[in-house]
Protein backbone atom coordinates (compact mmCIF):
# COMPACT_ATOMS: atom_id res chain seq x y z
CA MET A 1 11.49 10.33 -59.90
CA GLY A 2 8.22 8.44 -59.17
CA ARG A 3 5.64 9.05 -56.60
CA THR A 4 6.28 5.78 -54.80
CA ALA A 5 8.42 5.24 -51.75
CA GLU A 6 9.37 2.04 -50.00
CA HIS A 7 8.62 3.87 -46.72
CA VAL A 8 6.42 6.89 -45.90
CA TYR A 9 5.63 8.89 -42.66
CA THR A 10 2.74 10.45 -41.09
CA ALA A 11 3.70 10.92 -37.58
CA GLN A 12 4.77 14.36 -36.56
CA ALA A 13 7.97 13.19 -35.05
CA ASP A 14 9.14 11.43 -38.03
CA ILE A 15 8.22 14.30 -40.29
CA ARG A 16 10.16 16.76 -38.14
CA ARG A 17 13.11 14.37 -38.57
CA LEU A 18 12.84 14.46 -42.16
CA GLU A 19 12.56 18.19 -42.32
CA SER A 20 15.46 18.63 -39.92
CA LEU A 21 17.75 16.54 -42.30
CA VAL A 22 16.57 19.02 -45.23
CA ALA A 23 18.12 21.65 -43.06
CA GLU A 24 21.42 19.92 -42.99
CA LEU A 25 21.56 19.47 -46.70
CA PRO A 26 22.31 22.53 -48.49
CA THR A 27 22.72 22.97 -52.19
CA ASN A 28 26.26 22.38 -53.25
CA GLY A 29 27.23 21.05 -49.88
CA HIS A 30 29.75 18.22 -49.85
CA VAL A 31 28.64 15.67 -47.44
CA ARG A 32 29.21 12.18 -46.25
CA LEU A 33 26.13 10.25 -45.33
CA ARG A 34 25.93 7.36 -43.00
CA LEU A 35 22.89 5.24 -43.90
CA ARG A 36 20.88 3.19 -41.60
CA ASP A 37 22.20 -0.03 -43.00
CA GLY A 38 25.93 1.30 -42.31
CA ASP A 39 26.82 2.11 -45.86
CA LEU A 40 28.63 5.33 -46.49
CA CYS A 41 28.15 7.50 -49.48
CA ASP A 42 29.45 10.94 -50.16
CA GLY A 43 28.87 13.78 -52.83
CA VAL A 44 27.88 17.08 -53.59
CA ILE A 45 24.22 17.86 -53.15
CA SER A 46 22.93 19.08 -56.46
CA GLU A 47 19.90 20.90 -55.01
CA ARG A 48 18.56 21.04 -51.47
CA PRO A 49 15.93 18.44 -51.05
CA ASN A 50 12.40 18.72 -49.48
CA VAL A 51 9.84 16.64 -48.15
CA GLN A 52 7.07 15.58 -50.33
CA MET A 53 4.00 13.30 -50.61
CA PHE A 54 4.66 9.72 -51.44
CA ARG A 55 2.66 6.51 -51.62
CA ASP A 56 4.10 3.20 -50.41
CA PRO A 57 3.57 0.02 -52.05
CA ASP A 58 0.15 -0.47 -50.17
CA GLU A 59 -0.85 2.83 -51.45
CA ASN A 60 -0.69 4.58 -48.11
CA GLU A 61 0.12 8.33 -48.50
CA GLY A 62 2.72 9.95 -46.47
CA ILE A 63 5.73 12.02 -46.22
CA ASN A 64 9.53 11.42 -47.37
CA GLY A 65 12.04 12.69 -49.64
CA VAL A 66 15.27 12.33 -51.63
CA VAL A 67 18.83 13.94 -51.79
CA HIS A 68 20.50 13.75 -55.04
CA LEU A 69 24.37 13.43 -54.85
CA GLU A 70 26.97 14.04 -57.50
CA ARG A 71 30.63 13.87 -57.77
CA PRO A 72 32.03 16.75 -60.20
CA ALA A 73 35.34 14.92 -60.63
CA VAL A 74 33.51 11.64 -61.80
CA PRO A 75 31.25 12.81 -64.76
CA GLY A 76 27.95 11.02 -65.04
CA TRP A 77 28.27 9.60 -61.41
CA SER A 78 25.17 10.58 -59.18
CA ARG A 79 23.18 8.80 -56.44
CA TYR A 80 19.82 9.35 -55.07
CA VAL A 81 19.19 8.67 -51.32
CA TRP A 82 15.90 8.54 -49.62
CA LEU A 83 15.92 10.94 -46.42
CA ASP A 84 14.71 8.16 -44.08
CA GLN A 85 17.64 6.02 -44.67
CA ILE A 86 19.97 8.71 -43.49
CA ALA A 87 21.36 7.95 -39.96
CA ALA A 88 23.86 10.72 -39.76
CA VAL A 89 25.34 13.78 -41.96
CA GLU A 90 28.92 14.60 -41.84
CA HIS A 91 29.76 17.82 -43.66
CA LEU A 92 33.09 17.84 -45.72
CA ASP A 93 32.84 21.65 -46.28
CA SER A 94 31.64 24.78 -44.77
CA THR A 95 28.44 25.20 -46.47
CA LEU A 96 26.16 24.17 -43.65
CA GLY A 97 23.46 26.75 -43.43
CA GLY A 98 24.60 28.32 -46.67
CA GLU A 99 22.58 28.45 -49.85
CA SER A 100 24.00 28.67 -53.12
């Protein structure tokens, strides 16, 4: 994944929100994500995401991150979702807070 993001964040409130989402997305957790555009996607988190430094298209530096979802029953299926696009997380299993 490149080091460019459509949106980056520098305000502490925005960074705290992204970090809070990371805490809700444990490795191997099965989740359904409601995105800001109303879309839904679900899958198993391949690895707990983290916030990182990115640059936006105007070369401004800030924070964002991605979560990588997979569906074990569908070989080869995966999707990357930017943390800032997540409006809500629904846990479809009981791994919240657990780390595998």
